[in-house]
Amino acid sequence: MDTRNWMLRCRHGAAVVLLAGLAACGGGGGGGGGSEPPAGLAGNFFPLAVGDRWVYDIGSGAALTVRASGTRTVDGQTGIVVLTEDPTDGSAESVYIVTAAAVRQVPTLGGDPLVSAIGPLDVMRFPLVAGDRWTQIDKTLDTGMDFDGDGRLERATVHSEVQVIGLETVTTPVATFTGSLHQRTTLTVGVMLTSMPQTITVVTTVDDWYAPDIGPVRTTLLITSQGVSETQTVALTAYRVGTLRSDEVAPTVLAVTPADGGTMRADGHLVVNFSEAMDFGSVAAAVTLTTTGGQPVPLSVSAQGNSYSFHSSGGLATGRYTARVATGAADLFGNPLAQATTWTFDIVATGP
């Protein structure tokens, strides 16, 4: 049996599904003993509000973007919807409810059935006390997957323990953060094979660091199964949390096509190149095209990197047009365009 292949199959079939909620949000602490519980660790380690955004380096030049996109009511409570955009695995949605007692992740409708089977998770409990250790998950459930290819779905035992390590200094590509909360989650998933009396166990140790008023800034994962191990590091490269942001440089328009005073075919595309990655929605709203008479032209928009392309589905008639990029266009961290850009060009609808 290829043990590495088994490790990866079990990892993606069970452990990683859980880590989608755990790795980015860690574990937590709480409680304490005695008549007077020990003082909690000071700091807002899990800030979360609509508009917040984090970008992480996940290795091989790939970037993971996490953003709080909106709110949703769950069981009478208002939760924050968090979208995780992975260049390899696509987008995933989570909902978190933040209270004075805990940060809880709740399953989403139509989400992964394994996550739904696990149910709501307290991913952080308050007060946070160094040395606290607690059980987060302890369940046996259906995986909904056939790991050994015998046509039958396997069951799995899932056990997760969390330890609050304390406050530390941690360095990422964007900054060095002092007083960061370090927590460790140990997740053990045992997949019970139906084709043979064997259990494949995957143990994932997740170390998370949370900077005060910023949130998750660094995660290291150690995944071990059948004597084979794999590590991964996720590190913060940029952020916008509340009024804090790692980038305060205003974006600029580098080039436009067609150029000012130029010409374009009736079925051509208007292209705007920016100096950095931009917020798609703000760019779509900020770019306008009008005719000589001032009539707006409806445009569809697409993006590739820092380049945005605009197209009129009905084609453009011969004439002069005015394009404008307003200062409402903003980068990923809310910095508006340094100045508006306006230019004119001619459409030639006849000829080759």
Protein backbone atom coordinates (compact mmCIF):
# COMPACT_ATOMS: atom_id res chain seq x y z
CA MET A 1 0.00 0.00 0.00
CA ASP A 2 1.30 3.49 -0.87
CA THR A 3 1.22 5.06 2.58
CA ARG A 4 1.78 8.59 1.29
CA ASN A 5 -1.14 8.20 -1.10
CA TRP A 6 -3.30 6.96 1.76
CA MET A 7 -2.19 9.85 3.93
CA LEU A 8 -3.16 12.35 1.25
CA ARG A 9 -6.49 10.65 0.54
CA CYS A 10 -7.39 10.65 4.23
CA ARG A 11 -6.11 14.16 4.62
CA HIS A 12 -8.25 15.56 1.81
CA GLY A 13 -11.18 13.33 2.63
CA ALA A 14 -11.41 14.09 6.31
CA ALA A 15 -8.75 16.18 7.99
CA VAL A 16 -8.62 19.04 5.53
CA VAL A 17 -12.39 19.35 5.50
CA LEU A 18 -12.21 20.04 9.22
CA LEU A 19 -9.16 22.24 8.91
CA ALA A 20 -11.08 24.56 6.62
CA GLY A 21 -12.73 25.71 9.82
CA LEU A 22 -9.89 25.06 12.23
CA ALA A 23 -6.69 26.14 10.55
CA ALA A 24 -7.75 29.70 9.88
CA CYS A 25 -9.45 30.13 13.24
CA GLY A 26 -7.48 27.94 15.59
CA GLY A 27 -8.71 26.58 18.84
CA GLY A 28 -9.30 28.47 22.01
CA GLY A 29 -9.20 28.44 25.76
CA GLY A 30 -11.48 29.10 28.63
CA GLY A 31 -12.41 28.18 32.10
CA GLY A 32 -9.69 27.99 34.71
CA GLY A 33 -10.08 26.48 38.15
CA GLY A 34 -10.36 27.56 41.75
CA SER A 35 -12.62 30.10 43.38
CA GLU A 36 -10.93 32.90 41.44
CA PRO A 37 -10.14 31.95 37.81
CA PRO A 38 -6.82 33.21 36.44
CA ALA A 39 -6.84 36.42 34.44
CA GLY A 40 -7.37 36.01 30.72
CA LEU A 41 -4.82 37.00 28.09
CA ALA A 42 -5.48 40.58 27.06
CA GLY A 43 -6.13 41.46 23.43
CA ASN A 44 -8.73 41.34 20.69
CA PHE A 45 -7.33 38.34 18.85
CA PHE A 46 -10.38 37.63 16.69
CA PRO A 47 -11.58 40.93 15.20
CA LEU A 48 -14.22 40.27 12.59
CA ALA A 49 -16.40 42.80 10.77
CA VAL A 50 -17.82 43.09 7.28
CA GLY A 51 -15.14 44.47 4.97
CA ASP A 52 -12.19 42.95 6.79
CA ARG A 53 -9.74 41.17 4.51
CA TRP A 54 -6.59 39.07 4.91
CA VAL A 55 -4.18 37.74 2.27
CA TYR A 56 -1.87 34.79 3.03
CA ASP A 57 1.10 33.17 1.33
CA ILE A 58 0.44 29.42 1.14
CA GLY A 59 3.65 28.54 -0.68
CA SER A 60 4.67 28.13 -4.33
CA GLY A 61 3.75 31.74 -4.97
CA ALA A 62 0.05 31.07 -4.34
CA ALA A 63 -2.08 33.49 -2.31
CA LEU A 64 -5.09 32.71 -0.14
CA THR A 65 -7.60 35.53 0.33
CA VAL A 66 -10.01 35.58 3.27
CA ARG A 67 -12.66 38.28 3.53
CA ALA A 68 -15.69 39.04 5.65
CA SER A 69 -18.33 39.57 2.99
CA GLY A 70 -21.60 40.07 4.84
CA THR A 71 -23.93 38.94 7.59
CA ARG A 72 -26.40 36.10 8.01
CA THR A 73 -28.93 35.28 10.72
CA VAL A 74 -28.47 31.80 12.22
CA ASP A 75 -30.75 30.60 15.05
CA GLY A 76 -31.70 34.16 15.87
CA GLN A 77 -28.10 35.38 16.03
CA THR A 78 -26.21 37.52 13.54
CA GLY A 79 -23.21 35.77 12.03
CA ILE A 80 -20.39 37.07 9.84
CA VAL A 81 -20.00 35.34 6.46
CA VAL A 82 -16.34 34.68 5.66
CA LEU A 83 -15.23 33.70 2.15
CA THR A 84 -11.95 31.87 1.64
CA GLU A 85 -10.67 32.08 -1.93
CA ASP A 86 -8.07 29.41 -2.70
CA PRO A 87 -6.46 29.42 -6.17
CA THR A 88 -6.37 25.61 -6.12
CA ASP A 89 -9.52 24.55 -4.28
CA GLY A 90 -11.78 27.47 -5.21
CA SER A 91 -14.00 29.37 -2.78
CA ALA A 92 -15.39 28.16 0.53
CA GLU A 93 -17.86 29.85 2.84
CA SER A 94 -17.98 29.85 6.63
CA VAL A 95 -20.21 31.65 9.12
CA TYR A 96 -18.94 32.81 12.51
CA ILE A 97 -20.90 34.12 15.47
CA VAL A 98 -18.81 36.20 17.86
CA THR A 99 -20.04 36.71 21.44
CA ALA A 100 -18.47 37.65 24.76
CA ALA A 101 -18.17 33.95 25.57
CA ALA A 102 -16.86 32.40 22.36
CA VAL A 103 -16.30 32.50 18.63
CA ARG A 104 -18.47 29.81 17.06
CA GLN A 105 -18.39 28.45 13.53
CA VAL A 106 -21.75 27.20 12.30
CA PRO A 107 -22.34 24.95 9.25
CA THR A 108 -23.69 26.61 6.12
CA LEU A 109 -26.65 25.38 4.07
CA GLY A 110 -25.44 23.27 1.18
CA GLY A 111 -21.95 23.11 2.65
CA ASP A 112 -19.73 20.08 3.09
CA PRO A 113 -21.77 17.21 4.63
CA LEU A 114 -18.90 16.20 6.91
CA VAL A 115 -18.66 19.69 8.39
CA SER A 116 -22.45 19.70 8.81
CA ALA A 117 -22.30 16.36 10.61
CA ILE A 118 -19.76 17.73 13.07
CA GLY A 119 -22.06 20.66 13.80
CA PRO A 120 -21.31 24.04 15.37
CA LEU A 121 -17.78 24.48 16.74
CA ASP A 122 -16.43 26.81 19.38
CA VAL A 123 -13.16 27.82 17.76
CA MET A 124 -12.23 30.26 20.51
CA ARG A 125 -13.51 30.62 24.06
CA PHE A 126 -13.15 33.50 26.47
CA PRO A 127 -11.41 34.31 28.70
CA LEU A 128 -8.24 32.99 27.06
CA VAL A 129 -5.97 31.52 29.73
CA ALA A 130 -2.42 30.28 29.07
CA GLY A 131 -2.19 26.54 29.71
CA ASP A 132 -5.88 25.82 29.22
CA ARG A 133 -6.65 22.63 27.31
CA TRP A 134 -10.07 21.44 26.20
CA THR A 135 -11.84 19.01 23.88
CA GLN A 136 -13.34 20.62 20.82
CA ILE A 137 -14.68 17.57 18.91
CA ASP A 138 -15.24 13.99 19.96
CA LYS A 139 -17.52 12.21 17.49
CA THR A 140 -17.93 9.18 15.27
CA LEU A 141 -19.66 9.97 12.00
CA ASP A 142 -20.15 9.01 8.37
CA THR A 143 -17.54 10.52 6.05
CA GLY A 144 -19.73 10.33 2.96
CA MET A 145 -16.67 9.00 1.06
CA ASP A 146 -15.41 5.66 -0.19
CA PHE A 147 -11.69 5.68 0.66
CA ASP A 148 -10.82 2.08 -0.23
CA GLY A 149 -12.87 1.82 -3.45
CA ASP A 150 -15.08 -1.09 -2.37
CA GLY A 151 -18.35 0.73 -3.02
CA ARG A 152 -19.10 1.32 0.66
CA LEU A 153 -18.79 4.58 2.56
CA GLU A 154 -16.42 4.72 5.50
CA ARG A 155 -17.04 6.02 9.02
CA ALA A 156 -14.52 8.05 10.96
CA THR A 157 -13.73 8.99 14.53
CA VAL A 158 -12.92 12.67 14.94
CA HIS A 159 -11.22 13.99 18.07
CA SER A 160 -9.87 17.53 18.44
CA GLU A 161 -8.10 19.01 21.45
CA VAL A 162 -7.06 22.63 21.86
CA GLN A 163 -4.33 24.16 24.01
CA VAL A 164 -3.72 27.83 24.71
CA ILE A 165 0.07 28.25 24.68
CA GLY A 166 0.38 31.96 25.53
CA LEU A 167 1.55 35.26 24.05
CA GLU A 168 4.54 35.31 21.67
CA THR A 169 6.23 37.40 18.99
CA VAL A 170 5.70 36.13 15.46
CA THR A 171 7.11 37.35 12.15
CA THR A 172 5.36 37.18 8.75
CA PRO A 173 6.25 38.71 5.38
CA VAL A 174 4.17 41.80 6.20
CA ALA A 175 5.34 42.59 9.77
CA THR A 176 6.52 41.36 13.16
CA PHE A 177 3.66 41.13 15.66
CA THR A 178 4.34 41.21 19.39
CA GLY A 179 1.90 39.89 21.99
CA SER A 180 0.37 37.42 19.56
CA LEU A 181 -1.80 34.61 20.89
CA HIS A 182 -0.37 31.14 20.18
CA GLN A 183 -2.82 28.24 20.18
CA ARG A 184 -2.41 24.62 19.19
CA THR A 185 -5.11 22.31 17.86
CA THR A 186 -4.45 18.58 17.64
CA LEU A 187 -6.92 16.90 15.31
CA THR A 188 -7.03 13.10 15.08
CA VAL A 189 -9.16 11.51 12.37
CA GLY A 190 -9.47 7.72 12.19
CA VAL A 191 -11.01 6.37 8.98
CA MET A 192 -12.35 2.83 9.51
CA LEU A 193 -11.96 0.93 6.25
CA THR A 194 -14.83 -1.33 5.16
CA SER A 195 -12.72 -3.60 2.94
CA MET A 196 -10.40 -4.76 5.74
CA PRO A 197 -10.13 -4.55 9.53
CA GLN A 198 -7.90 -1.50 9.48
CA THR A 199 -8.15 2.12 10.58
CA ILE A 200 -6.15 4.79 8.77
CA THR A 201 -5.30 7.54 11.25
CA VAL A 202 -4.40 11.08 10.28
CA VAL A 203 -3.03 13.35 13.03
CA THR A 204 -2.88 17.05 12.22
CA THR A 205 -1.20 19.49 14.57
CA VAL A 206 -2.15 23.09 13.84
CA ASP A 207 -0.25 25.95 15.48
CA ASP A 208 -1.95 29.32 15.05
CA TRP A 209 -0.79 32.79 15.95
CA TYR A 210 -3.23 35.70 16.26
CA ALA A 211 -2.01 39.29 16.42
CA PRO A 212 -4.07 41.68 18.57
CA ASP A 213 -6.55 43.71 16.50
CA ILE A 214 -5.41 41.89 13.32
CA GLY A 215 -6.45 38.25 13.77
CA PRO A 216 -4.77 35.14 12.29
CA VAL A 217 -1.27 35.99 11.05
CA ARG A 218 0.53 32.66 10.86
CA THR A 219 -0.38 28.96 10.80
CA THR A 220 1.82 25.88 10.63
CA LEU A 221 0.38 22.43 9.97
CA LEU A 222 2.04 19.09 10.57
CA ILE A 223 0.06 16.20 9.06
CA THR A 224 1.13 12.64 9.88
CA SER A 225 -0.31 9.28 8.78
CA GLN A 226 1.09 5.78 8.37
CA GLY A 227 4.63 6.95 9.15
CA VAL A 228 4.53 9.71 6.52
CA SER A 229 4.37 13.40 7.37
CA GLU A 230 3.79 16.65 5.54
CA THR A 231 4.13 20.25 6.68
CA GLN A 232 2.63 23.50 5.46
CA THR A 233 2.99 27.12 6.52
CA VAL A 234 0.46 29.89 5.92
CA ALA A 235 1.70 33.44 6.58
CA LEU A 236 -0.01 36.82 6.40
CA THR A 237 1.19 39.07 3.57
CA ALA A 238 -1.42 41.85 3.66
CA TYR A 239 -4.52 42.87 5.62
CA ARG A 240 -7.29 45.37 6.13
CA VAL A 241 -8.96 45.00 9.52
CA GLY A 242 -11.13 47.84 10.77
CA THR A 243 -9.07 51.01 10.40
CA LEU A 244 -5.79 49.07 10.27
CA ARG A 245 -4.26 48.19 6.93
CA SER A 246 -0.89 46.99 5.77
CA ASP A 247 -0.99 49.02 2.57
CA GLU A 248 -1.78 52.75 2.52
CA VAL A 249 -0.43 53.49 -0.96
CA ALA A 250 -3.10 54.71 -3.37
CA PRO A 251 -3.36 52.73 -6.63
CA THR A 252 -2.89 54.41 -10.00
CA VAL A 253 -3.93 53.75 -13.60
CA LEU A 254 -0.83 52.64 -15.49
CA ALA A 255 -2.24 52.37 -19.00
CA VAL A 256 -5.49 52.31 -20.95
CA THR A 257 -6.47 50.76 -24.28
CA PRO A 258 -7.35 52.40 -26.58
CA ALA A 259 -5.12 55.30 -25.62
CA ASP A 260 -6.34 58.87 -25.33
CA GLY A 261 -7.15 60.07 -28.85
CA GLY A 262 -6.90 56.54 -30.27
CA THR A 263 -9.36 54.34 -32.13
CA MET A 264 -11.01 50.96 -31.53
CA ARG A 265 -13.16 48.51 -33.45
CA ALA A 266 -16.85 48.36 -32.60
CA ASP A 267 -16.43 44.94 -30.98
CA GLY A 268 -13.21 45.83 -29.18
CA HIS A 269 -12.51 45.81 -25.46
CA LEU A 270 -11.73 48.77 -23.27
CA VAL A 271 -8.77 47.78 -21.05
CA VAL A 272 -7.51 49.48 -17.88
CA ASN A 273 -4.26 48.40 -16.22
CA PHE A 274 -3.78 49.29 -12.55
CA SER A 275 -0.60 49.49 -10.49
CA GLU A 276 -1.80 46.79 -8.05
CA ALA A 277 -4.53 44.29 -7.32
CA MET A 278 -7.92 45.98 -7.09
CA ASP A 279 -11.29 45.33 -5.50
CA PHE A 280 -13.38 43.98 -8.38
CA GLY A 281 -16.71 45.48 -7.32
CA SER A 282 -15.33 48.98 -6.83
CA VAL A 283 -13.63 48.96 -10.23
CA ALA A 284 -16.77 47.71 -11.98
CA ALA A 285 -18.74 50.59 -10.45
CA ALA A 286 -16.08 53.26 -11.05
CA VAL A 287 -15.48 52.74 -14.78
CA THR A 288 -17.97 54.44 -17.11
CA LEU A 289 -18.25 54.94 -20.87
CA THR A 290 -20.43 57.63 -22.44
CA THR A 291 -21.27 58.72 -25.96
CA THR A 292 -20.71 62.23 -27.36
CA GLY A 293 -24.24 63.05 -26.28
CA GLY A 294 -23.53 61.91 -22.73
CA GLN A 295 -25.49 58.65 -22.90
CA PRO A 296 -24.02 55.89 -20.70
CA VAL A 297 -22.99 52.63 -22.36
CA PRO A 298 -23.69 49.41 -20.39
CA LEU A 299 -20.50 47.39 -19.95
CA SER A 300 -19.60 43.89 -18.82
CA VAL A 301 -16.32 43.51 -16.94
CA SER A 302 -13.71 40.82 -16.44
CA ALA A 303 -10.32 40.84 -14.75
CA GLN A 304 -7.01 39.08 -15.13
CA GLY A 305 -4.47 40.09 -12.53
CA ASN A 306 -4.30 43.89 -12.39
CA SER A 307 -5.84 44.27 -15.86
CA TYR A 308 -9.58 44.94 -16.26
CA SER A 309 -11.41 44.49 -19.55
CA PHE A 310 -14.75 46.16 -20.39
CA HIS A 311 -17.01 45.18 -23.27
CA SER A 312 -20.31 46.31 -24.70
CA SER A 313 -22.41 43.26 -25.56
CA GLY A 314 -24.32 45.10 -28.26
CA GLY A 315 -21.26 46.60 -29.91
CA LEU A 316 -20.52 50.29 -30.30
CA ALA A 317 -21.60 52.64 -33.07
CA THR A 318 -19.14 54.84 -34.94
CA GLY A 319 -18.40 57.98 -32.98
CA ARG A 320 -16.41 59.53 -30.17
CA TYR A 321 -16.63 58.12 -26.65
CA THR A 322 -15.43 59.27 -23.24
CA ALA A 323 -14.15 56.75 -20.70
CA ARG A 324 -13.59 57.52 -17.04
CA VAL A 325 -12.15 55.73 -14.03
CA ALA A 326 -13.47 57.50 -10.93
CA THR A 327 -11.72 57.63 -7.57
CA GLY A 328 -14.26 55.13 -6.25
CA ALA A 329 -12.00 52.40 -7.65
CA ALA A 330 -10.07 51.01 -4.69
CA ASP A 331 -7.41 48.40 -4.07
CA LEU A 332 -7.93 45.30 -1.97
CA PHE A 333 -7.37 47.27 1.21
CA GLY A 334 -9.71 50.17 0.60
CA ASN A 335 -7.22 52.73 -0.71
CA PRO A 336 -9.01 54.79 -3.39
CA LEU A 337 -7.49 55.69 -6.73
CA ALA A 338 -5.00 58.55 -6.40
CA GLN A 339 -6.85 60.56 -9.04
CA ALA A 340 -9.57 60.04 -11.60
CA THR A 341 -8.56 59.26 -15.18
CA THR A 342 -10.60 60.47 -18.16
CA TRP A 343 -9.84 60.02 -21.87
CA THR A 344 -11.56 59.97 -25.25
CA PHE A 345 -11.28 57.71 -28.27
CA ASP A 346 -13.10 57.02 -31.52
CA ILE A 347 -15.03 53.91 -32.54
CA VAL A 348 -14.71 52.91 -36.20
CA ALA A 349 -17.54 50.51 -36.97
CA THR A 350 -16.80 50.19 -40.70
CA GLY A 351 -13.86 48.85 -42.66
CA PRO A 352 -11.69 45.77 -42.09
